[in-house]
Amino acid sequence: MTEGDALGLVQQAIWLTMLLAGPVIGSAMVIGVGIAFFQALTQVQEMTLTFVPKIIAGFIIIMLTGGYSGSLLKAFTEQIFLRIAIGFK
């Protein structure tokens, strides 16, 4: 295994992490900005108001993208195991 192989694996792992976490984090950001805007308009400063919608949205996004995320993670894992089995050439 060369430095280039290791760097390529780390790069793929970081990219996969961004792909898997991106939809959940993006939805939480959109929900958070919307709730912050609502709180600014109504002057309701309840701290717990932001958490529940973010958690619900996160679970919904995970349920919607779970199959796709699982297939990406499975393909990456199979690629790593295959490269371990045949060697890094």
PDB file of N, CA and C in Angstrom:
ATOM      1  N   MET A   1       0.845  -1.167   0.000  1.00  0.00           N
ATOM      2  CA  MET A   1       0.000   0.000   0.000  1.00  0.00           C
ATOM      3  C   MET A   1       0.893   1.233   0.000  1.00  0.00           C
ATOM      4  N   THR A   2       0.694   2.043  -0.983  1.00  0.00           N
ATOM      5  CA  THR A   2       1.493   3.249  -1.101  1.00  0.00           C
ATOM      6  C   THR A   2       0.761   4.417  -0.448  1.00  0.00           C
ATOM      7  N   GLU A   3       1.458   5.528  -0.394  1.00  0.00           N
ATOM      8  CA  GLU A   3       0.845   6.735   0.164  1.00  0.00           C
ATOM      9  C   GLU A   3      -0.334   7.185  -0.692  1.00  0.00           C
ATOM     10  N   GLY A   4      -0.222   6.999  -1.989  1.00  0.00           N
ATOM     11  CA  GLY A   4      -1.311   7.372  -2.892  1.00  0.00           C
ATOM     12  C   GLY A   4      -2.568   6.538  -2.648  1.00  0.00           C
ATOM     13  N   ASP A   5      -2.364   5.229  -2.374  1.00  0.00           N
ATOM     14  CA  ASP A   5      -3.508   4.371  -2.058  1.00  0.00           C
ATOM     15  C   ASP A   5      -4.192   4.821  -0.775  1.00  0.00           C
ATOM     16  N   ALA A   6      -3.393   5.091   0.247  1.00  0.00           N
ATOM     17  CA  ALA A   6      -3.944   5.520   1.530  1.00  0.00           C
ATOM     18  C   ALA A   6      -4.675   6.849   1.391  1.00  0.00           C
ATOM     19  N   LEU A   7      -4.077   7.760   0.634  1.00  0.00           N
ATOM     20  CA  LEU A   7      -4.708   9.056   0.422  1.00  0.00           C
ATOM     21  C   LEU A   7      -6.013   8.914  -0.343  1.00  0.00           C
ATOM     22  N   GLY A   8      -6.044   8.023  -1.323  1.00  0.00           N
ATOM     23  CA  GLY A   8      -7.269   7.787  -2.081  1.00  0.00           C
ATOM     24  C   GLY A   8      -8.374   7.205  -1.220  1.00  0.00           C
ATOM     25  N   LEU A   9      -8.013   6.269  -0.325  1.00  0.00           N
ATOM     26  CA  LEU A   9      -9.011   5.694   0.580  1.00  0.00           C
ATOM     27  C   LEU A   9      -9.564   6.731   1.544  1.00  0.00           C
ATOM     28  N   VAL A  10      -8.698   7.554   2.084  1.00  0.00           N
ATOM     29  CA  VAL A  10      -9.145   8.599   3.005  1.00  0.00           C
ATOM     30  C   VAL A  10     -10.035   9.605   2.274  1.00  0.00           C
ATOM     31  N   GLN A  11      -9.666   9.951   1.053  1.00  0.00           N
ATOM     32  CA  GLN A  11     -10.469  10.883   0.270  1.00  0.00           C
ATOM     33  C   GLN A  11     -11.849  10.300  -0.020  1.00  0.00           C
ATOM     34  N   GLN A  12     -11.907   9.019  -0.395  1.00  0.00           N
ATOM     35  CA  GLN A  12     -13.193   8.373  -0.634  1.00  0.00           C
ATOM     36  C   GLN A  12     -14.019   8.297   0.634  1.00  0.00           C
ATOM     37  N   ALA A  13     -13.380   8.025   1.763  1.00  0.00           N
ATOM     38  CA  ALA A  13     -14.099   7.930   3.034  1.00  0.00           C
ATOM     39  C   ALA A  13     -14.676   9.281   3.441  1.00  0.00           C
ATOM     40  N   ILE A  14     -13.919  10.341   3.255  1.00  0.00           N
ATOM     41  CA  ILE A  14     -14.414  11.680   3.588  1.00  0.00           C
ATOM     42  C   ILE A  14     -15.562  12.060   2.673  1.00  0.00           C
ATOM     43  N   TRP A  15     -15.441  11.762   1.386  1.00  0.00           N
ATOM     44  CA  TRP A  15     -16.509  12.070   0.438  1.00  0.00           C
ATOM     45  C   TRP A  15     -17.773  11.276   0.787  1.00  0.00           C
ATOM     46  N   LEU A  16     -17.618  10.013   1.141  1.00  0.00           N
ATOM     47  CA  LEU A  16     -18.755   9.187   1.524  1.00  0.00           C
ATOM     48  C   LEU A  16     -19.416   9.726   2.792  1.00  0.00           C
ATOM     49  N   THR A  17     -18.617  10.166   3.742  1.00  0.00           N
ATOM     50  CA  THR A  17     -19.167  10.757   4.967  1.00  0.00           C
ATOM     51  C   THR A  17     -19.981  11.996   4.659  1.00  0.00           C
ATOM     52  N   MET A  18     -19.497  12.824   3.750  1.00  0.00           N
ATOM     53  CA  MET A  18     -20.247  14.018   3.361  1.00  0.00           C
ATOM     54  C   MET A  18     -21.547  13.648   2.668  1.00  0.00           C
ATOM     55  N   LEU A  19     -21.512  12.627   1.822  1.00  0.00           N
ATOM     56  CA  LEU A  19     -22.728  12.197   1.134  1.00  0.00           C
ATOM     57  C   LEU A  19     -23.753  11.610   2.095  1.00  0.00           C
ATOM     58  N   LEU A  20     -23.289  10.862   3.095  1.00  0.00           N
ATOM     59  CA  LEU A  20     -24.204  10.237   4.032  1.00  0.00           C
ATOM     60  C   LEU A  20     -24.786  11.235   5.028  1.00  0.00           C
ATOM     61  N   ALA A  21     -23.984  12.163   5.496  1.00  0.00           N
ATOM     62  CA  ALA A  21     -24.443  13.116   6.507  1.00  0.00           C
ATOM     63  C   ALA A  21     -25.056  14.378   5.911  1.00  0.00           C
ATOM     64  N   GLY A  22     -24.786  14.652   4.649  1.00  0.00           N
ATOM     65  CA  GLY A  22     -25.237  15.889   4.030  1.00  0.00           C
ATOM     66  C   GLY A  22     -26.735  16.136   4.074  1.00  0.00           C
ATOM     67  N   PRO A  23     -27.568  15.177   3.673  1.00  0.00           N
ATOM     68  CA  PRO A  23     -29.007  15.444   3.691  1.00  0.00           C
ATOM     69  C   PRO A  23     -29.561  15.727   5.088  1.00  0.00           C
ATOM     70  N   VAL A  24     -29.073  15.021   6.085  1.00  0.00           N
ATOM     71  CA  VAL A  24     -29.571  15.233   7.447  1.00  0.00           C
ATOM     72  C   VAL A  24     -29.132  16.599   7.969  1.00  0.00           C
ATOM     73  N   ILE A  25     -27.872  16.930   7.753  1.00  0.00           N
ATOM     74  CA  ILE A  25     -27.362  18.216   8.221  1.00  0.00           C
ATOM     75  C   ILE A  25     -28.012  19.361   7.451  1.00  0.00           C
ATOM     76  N   GLY A  26     -28.199  19.177   6.153  1.00  0.00           N
ATOM     77  CA  GLY A  26     -28.848  20.221   5.350  1.00  0.00           C
ATOM     78  C   GLY A  26     -30.280  20.474   5.788  1.00  0.00           C
ATOM     79  N   SER A  27     -31.026  19.403   6.036  1.00  0.00           N
ATOM     80  CA  SER A  27     -32.408  19.591   6.485  1.00  0.00           C
ATOM     81  C   SER A  27     -32.454  20.243   7.864  1.00  0.00           C
ATOM     82  N   ALA A  28     -31.535  19.864   8.754  1.00  0.00           N
ATOM     83  CA  ALA A  28     -31.491  20.488  10.079  1.00  0.00           C
ATOM     84  C   ALA A  28     -31.162  21.972   9.982  1.00  0.00           C
ATOM     85  N   MET A  29     -30.287  22.331   9.035  1.00  0.00           N
ATOM     86  CA  MET A  29     -29.961  23.750   8.854  1.00  0.00           C
ATOM     87  C   MET A  29     -31.155  24.528   8.341  1.00  0.00           C
ATOM     88  N   VAL A  30     -31.867  23.971   7.364  1.00  0.00           N
ATOM     89  CA  VAL A  30     -33.032  24.663   6.803  1.00  0.00           C
ATOM     90  C   VAL A  30     -34.115  24.819   7.868  1.00  0.00           C
ATOM     91  N   ILE A  31     -34.387  23.754   8.615  1.00  0.00           N
ATOM     92  CA  ILE A  31     -35.385  23.814   9.683  1.00  0.00           C
ATOM     93  C   ILE A  31     -34.956  24.828  10.748  1.00  0.00           C
ATOM     94  N   GLY A  32     -33.686  24.831  11.110  1.00  0.00           N
ATOM     95  CA  GLY A  32     -33.194  25.767  12.120  1.00  0.00           C
ATOM     96  C   GLY A  32     -33.330  27.214  11.698  1.00  0.00           C
ATOM     97  N   VAL A  33     -33.016  27.513  10.441  1.00  0.00           N
ATOM     98  CA  VAL A  33     -33.161  28.892   9.946  1.00  0.00           C
ATOM     99  C   VAL A  33     -34.630  29.288   9.916  1.00  0.00           C
ATOM    100  N   GLY A  34     -35.490  28.355   9.492  1.00  0.00           N
ATOM    101  CA  GLY A  34     -36.922  28.658   9.464  1.00  0.00           C
ATOM    102  C   GLY A  34     -37.474  28.926  10.852  1.00  0.00           C
ATOM    103  N   ILE A  35     -37.075  28.133  11.825  1.00  0.00           N
ATOM    104  CA  ILE A  35     -37.555  28.338  13.193  1.00  0.00           C
ATOM    105  C   ILE A  35     -36.976  29.620  13.786  1.00  0.00           C
ATOM    106  N   ALA A  36     -35.722  29.903  13.494  1.00  0.00           N
ATOM    107  CA  ALA A  36     -35.115  31.151  13.969  1.00  0.00           C
ATOM    108  C   ALA A  36     -35.844  32.356  13.384  1.00  0.00           C
ATOM    109  N   PHE A  37     -36.215  32.270  12.110  1.00  0.00           N
ATOM    110  CA  PHE A  37     -36.975  33.352  11.480  1.00  0.00           C
ATOM    111  C   PHE A  37     -38.344  33.500  12.142  1.00  0.00           C
ATOM    112  N   PHE A  38     -39.009  32.360  12.409  1.00  0.00           N
ATOM    113  CA  PHE A  38     -40.305  32.385  13.088  1.00  0.00           C
ATOM    114  C   PHE A  38     -40.184  32.982  14.487  1.00  0.00           C
ATOM    115  N   GLN A  39     -39.136  32.604  15.217  1.00  0.00           N
ATOM    116  CA  GLN A  39     -38.935  33.141  16.558  1.00  0.00           C
ATOM    117  C   GLN A  39     -38.635  34.633  16.525  1.00  0.00           C
ATOM    118  N   ALA A  40     -37.916  35.084  15.513  1.00  0.00           N
ATOM    119  CA  ALA A  40     -37.618  36.512  15.398  1.00  0.00           C
ATOM    120  C   ALA A  40     -38.888  37.304  15.083  1.00  0.00           C
ATOM    121  N   LEU A  41     -39.762  36.731  14.270  1.00  0.00           N
ATOM    122  CA  LEU A  41     -41.006  37.432  13.927  1.00  0.00           C
ATOM    123  C   LEU A  41     -41.977  37.482  15.093  1.00  0.00           C
ATOM    124  N   THR A  42     -42.094  36.391  15.828  1.00  0.00           N
ATOM    125  CA  THR A  42     -43.092  36.316  16.894  1.00  0.00           C
ATOM    126  C   THR A  42     -42.527  36.647  18.268  1.00  0.00           C
ATOM    127  N   GLN A  43     -41.238  36.794  18.383  1.00  0.00           N
ATOM    128  CA  GLN A  43     -40.532  37.071  19.624  1.00  0.00           C
ATOM    129  C   GLN A  43     -40.782  35.982  20.668  1.00  0.00           C
ATOM    130  N   VAL A  44     -40.984  34.745  20.201  1.00  0.00           N
ATOM    131  CA  VAL A  44     -41.084  33.599  21.086  1.00  0.00           C
ATOM    132  C   VAL A  44     -39.674  33.041  21.216  1.00  0.00           C
ATOM    133  N   GLN A  45     -39.120  33.106  22.404  1.00  0.00           N
ATOM    134  CA  GLN A  45     -37.734  32.681  22.600  1.00  0.00           C
ATOM    135  C   GLN A  45     -37.671  31.395  23.423  1.00  0.00           C
ATOM    136  N   GLU A  46     -38.363  30.381  22.973  1.00  0.00           N
ATOM    137  CA  GLU A  46     -38.342  29.085  23.635  1.00  0.00           C
ATOM    138  C   GLU A  46     -37.157  28.286  23.097  1.00  0.00           C
ATOM    139  N   MET A  47     -36.277  27.849  23.982  1.00  0.00           N
ATOM    140  CA  MET A  47     -35.058  27.163  23.555  1.00  0.00           C
ATOM    141  C   MET A  47     -35.340  25.768  23.004  1.00  0.00           C
ATOM    142  N   THR A  48     -36.339  25.087  23.537  1.00  0.00           N
ATOM    143  CA  THR A  48     -36.609  23.715  23.108  1.00  0.00           C
ATOM    144  C   THR A  48     -37.370  23.659  21.797  1.00  0.00           C
ATOM    145  N   LEU A  49     -37.863  24.787  21.316  1.00  0.00           N
ATOM    146  CA  LEU A  49     -38.639  24.815  20.075  1.00  0.00           C
ATOM    147  C   LEU A  49     -37.818  24.399  18.867  1.00  0.00           C
ATOM    148  N   THR A  50     -36.521  24.598  18.904  1.00  0.00           N
ATOM    149  CA  THR A  50     -35.687  24.274  17.747  1.00  0.00           C
ATOM    150  C   THR A  50     -35.319  22.798  17.674  1.00  0.00           C
ATOM    151  N   PHE A  51     -35.283  22.111  18.801  1.00  0.00           N
ATOM    152  CA  PHE A  51     -34.759  20.738  18.811  1.00  0.00           C
ATOM    153  C   PHE A  51     -35.720  19.711  18.244  1.00  0.00           C
ATOM    154  N   VAL A  52     -36.980  19.767  18.648  1.00  0.00           N
ATOM    155  CA  VAL A  52     -37.936  18.731  18.250  1.00  0.00           C
ATOM    156  C   VAL A  52     -38.142  18.690  16.738  1.00  0.00           C
ATOM    157  N   PRO A  53     -38.377  19.814  16.054  1.00  0.00           N
ATOM    158  CA  PRO A  53     -38.528  19.733  14.589  1.00  0.00           C
ATOM    159  C   PRO A  53     -37.271  19.245  13.872  1.00  0.00           C
ATOM    160  N   LYS A  54     -36.096  19.609  14.383  1.00  0.00           N
ATOM    161  CA  LYS A  54     -34.852  19.137  13.772  1.00  0.00           C
ATOM    162  C   LYS A  54     -34.711  17.630  13.916  1.00  0.00           C
ATOM    163  N   ILE A  55     -35.047  17.106  15.082  1.00  0.00           N
ATOM    164  CA  ILE A  55     -34.942  15.665  15.303  1.00  0.00           C
ATOM    165  C   ILE A  55     -35.935  14.920  14.426  1.00  0.00           C
ATOM    166  N   ILE A  56     -37.159  15.423  14.348  1.00  0.00           N
ATOM    167  CA  ILE A  56     -38.175  14.777  13.510  1.00  0.00           C
ATOM    168  C   ILE A  56     -37.750  14.813  12.043  1.00  0.00           C
ATOM    169  N   ALA A  57     -37.282  15.960  11.583  1.00  0.00           N
ATOM    170  CA  ALA A  57     -36.826  16.066  10.193  1.00  0.00           C
ATOM    171  C   ALA A  57     -35.636  15.152   9.932  1.00  0.00           C
ATOM    172  N   GLY A  58     -34.733  15.050  10.897  1.00  0.00           N
ATOM    173  CA  GLY A  58     -33.584  14.162  10.743  1.00  0.00           C
ATOM    174  C   GLY A  58     -34.010  12.710  10.602  1.00  0.00           C
ATOM    175  N   PHE A  59     -34.946  12.259  11.442  1.00  0.00           N
ATOM    176  CA  PHE A  59     -35.434  10.887  11.338  1.00  0.00           C
ATOM    177  C   PHE A  59     -36.137  10.639  10.010  1.00  0.00           C
ATOM    178  N   ILE A  60     -36.912  11.613   9.552  1.00  0.00           N
ATOM    179  CA  ILE A  60     -37.613  11.451   8.266  1.00  0.00           C
ATOM    180  C   ILE A  60     -36.609  11.353   7.125  1.00  0.00           C
ATOM    181  N   ILE A  61     -35.594  12.206   7.131  1.00  0.00           N
ATOM    182  CA  ILE A  61     -34.581  12.171   6.076  1.00  0.00           C
ATOM    183  C   ILE A  61     -33.798  10.864   6.126  1.00  0.00           C
ATOM    184  N   ILE A  62     -33.478  10.383   7.326  1.00  0.00           N
ATOM    185  CA  ILE A  62     -32.774   9.110   7.442  1.00  0.00           C
ATOM    186  C   ILE A  62     -33.631   7.977   6.889  1.00  0.00           C
ATOM    187  N   MET A  63     -34.926   8.000   7.182  1.00  0.00           N
ATOM    188  CA  MET A  63     -35.811   6.954   6.669  1.00  0.00           C
ATOM    189  C   MET A  63     -35.931   7.024   5.143  1.00  0.00           C
ATOM    190  N   LEU A  64     -35.944   8.231   4.587  1.00  0.00           N
ATOM    191  CA  LEU A  64     -36.080   8.378   3.135  1.00  0.00           C
ATOM    192  C   LEU A  64     -34.792   8.018   2.391  1.00  0.00           C
ATOM    193  N   THR A  65     -33.655   8.350   2.955  1.00  0.00           N
ATOM    194  CA  THR A  65     -32.386   8.122   2.257  1.00  0.00           C
ATOM    195  C   THR A  65     -31.614   6.931   2.809  1.00  0.00           C
ATOM    196  N   GLY A  66     -32.210   6.175   3.720  1.00  0.00           N
ATOM    197  CA  GLY A  66     -31.507   5.068   4.355  1.00  0.00           C
ATOM    198  C   GLY A  66     -31.068   3.988   3.384  1.00  0.00           C
ATOM    199  N   GLY A  67     -31.933   3.632   2.440  1.00  0.00           N
ATOM    200  CA  GLY A  67     -31.575   2.593   1.473  1.00  0.00           C
ATOM    201  C   GLY A  67     -30.412   3.004   0.579  1.00  0.00           C
ATOM    202  N   TYR A  68     -30.468   4.237   0.102  1.00  0.00           N
ATOM    203  CA  TYR A  68     -29.397   4.747  -0.750  1.00  0.00           C
ATOM    204  C   TYR A  68     -28.087   4.853   0.032  1.00  0.00           C
ATOM    205  N   SER A  69     -28.170   5.368   1.255  1.00  0.00           N
ATOM    206  CA  SER A  69     -26.971   5.498   2.082  1.00  0.00           C
ATOM    207  C   SER A  69     -26.379   4.131   2.402  1.00  0.00           C
ATOM    208  N   GLY A  70     -27.242   3.176   2.698  1.00  0.00           N
ATOM    209  CA  GLY A  70     -26.771   1.828   2.988  1.00  0.00           C
ATOM    210  C   GLY A  70     -26.085   1.192   1.801  1.00  0.00           C
ATOM    211  N   SER A  71     -26.637   1.412   0.595  1.00  0.00           N
ATOM    212  CA  SER A  71     -26.014   0.832  -0.594  1.00  0.00           C
ATOM    213  C   SER A  71     -24.653   1.474  -0.872  1.00  0.00           C
ATOM    214  N   LEU A  72     -24.536   2.786  -0.642  1.00  0.00           N
ATOM    215  CA  LEU A  72     -23.230   3.443  -0.818  1.00  0.00           C
ATOM    216  C   LEU A  72     -22.209   2.902   0.177  1.00  0.00           C
ATOM    217  N   LEU A  73     -22.623   2.750   1.422  1.00  0.00           N
ATOM    218  CA  LEU A  73     -21.719   2.245   2.444  1.00  0.00           C
ATOM    219  C   LEU A  73     -21.331   0.795   2.171  1.00  0.00           C
ATOM    220  N   LYS A  74     -22.286  -0.004   1.692  1.00  0.00           N
ATOM    221  CA  LYS A  74     -21.999  -1.403   1.358  1.00  0.00           C
ATOM    222  C   LYS A  74     -21.000  -1.485   0.205  1.00  0.00           C
ATOM    223  N   ALA A  75     -21.202  -0.674  -0.832  1.00  0.00           N
ATOM    224  CA  ALA A  75     -20.290  -0.689  -1.974  1.00  0.00           C
ATOM    225  C   ALA A  75     -18.878  -0.271  -1.555  1.00  0.00           C
ATOM    226  N   PHE A  76     -18.780   0.745  -0.697  1.00  0.00           N
ATOM    227  CA  PHE A  76     -17.469   1.195  -0.234  1.00  0.00           C
ATOM    228  C   PHE A  76     -16.786   0.106   0.588  1.00  0.00           C
ATOM    229  N   THR A  77     -17.556  -0.548   1.465  1.00  0.00           N
ATOM    230  CA  THR A  77     -16.993  -1.610   2.301  1.00  0.00           C
ATOM    231  C   THR A  77     -16.531  -2.781   1.452  1.00  0.00           C
ATOM    232  N   GLU A  78     -17.332  -3.165   0.458  1.00  0.00           N
ATOM    233  CA  GLU A  78     -16.930  -4.256  -0.433  1.00  0.00           C
ATOM    234  C   GLU A  78     -15.673  -3.901  -1.209  1.00  0.00           C
ATOM    235  N   GLN A  79     -15.575  -2.643  -1.631  1.00  0.00           N
ATOM    236  CA  GLN A  79     -14.378  -2.202  -2.355  1.00  0.00           C
ATOM    237  C   GLN A  79     -13.144  -2.294  -1.453  1.00  0.00           C
ATOM    238  N   ILE A  80     -13.265  -1.884  -0.203  1.00  0.00           N
ATOM    239  CA  ILE A  80     -12.144  -1.956   0.728  1.00  0.00           C
ATOM    240  C   ILE A  80     -11.739  -3.411   0.966  1.00  0.00           C
ATOM    241  N   PHE A  81     -12.732  -4.291   1.225  1.00  0.00           N
ATOM    242  CA  PHE A  81     -12.416  -5.697   1.473  1.00  0.00           C
ATOM    243  C   PHE A  81     -11.797  -6.352   0.242  1.00  0.00           C
ATOM    244  N   LEU A  82     -12.264  -5.994  -0.943  1.00  0.00           N
ATOM    245  CA  LEU A  82     -11.696  -6.551  -2.167  1.00  0.00           C
ATOM    246  C   LEU A  82     -10.249  -6.104  -2.337  1.00  0.00           C
ATOM    247  N   ARG A  83      -9.985  -4.850  -2.054  1.00  0.00           N
ATOM    248  CA  ARG A  83      -8.613  -4.357  -2.171  1.00  0.00           C
ATOM    249  C   ARG A  83      -7.714  -4.999  -1.130  1.00  0.00           C
ATOM    250  N   ILE A  84      -8.236  -5.318   0.045  1.00  0.00           N
ATOM    251  CA  ILE A  84      -7.449  -6.009   1.063  1.00  0.00           C
ATOM    252  C   ILE A  84      -7.166  -7.431   0.596  1.00  0.00           C
ATOM    253  N   ALA A  85      -8.195  -8.101  -0.002  1.00  0.00           N
ATOM    254  CA  ALA A  85      -8.034  -9.494  -0.394  1.00  0.00           C
ATOM    255  C   ALA A  85      -7.041  -9.652  -1.538  1.00  0.00           C
ATOM    256  N   ILE A  86      -7.112  -8.775  -2.554  1.00  0.00           N
ATOM    257  CA  ILE A  86      -6.213  -8.921  -3.690  1.00  0.00           C
ATOM    258  C   ILE A  86      -4.912  -8.170  -3.522  1.00  0.00           C
ATOM    259  N   GLY A  87      -4.877  -7.324  -2.520  1.00  0.00           N
ATOM    260  CA  GLY A  87      -3.675  -6.544  -2.277  1.00  0.00           C
ATOM    261  C   GLY A  87      -3.762  -5.198  -2.996  1.00  0.00           C
ATOM    262  N   PHE A  88      -3.051  -4.260  -2.495  1.00  0.00           N
ATOM    263  CA  PHE A  88      -3.030  -2.931  -3.079  1.00  0.00           C
ATOM    264  C   PHE A  88      -1.934  -2.891  -4.141  1.00  0.00           C
ATOM    265  N   LYS A  89      -2.335  -3.077  -5.393  1.00  0.00           N
ATOM    266  CA  LYS A  89      -1.351  -3.094  -6.470  1.00  0.00           C
ATOM    267  C   LYS A  89      -1.589  -1.961  -7.419  1.00  0.00           C
TER     268      LYS A  89
END
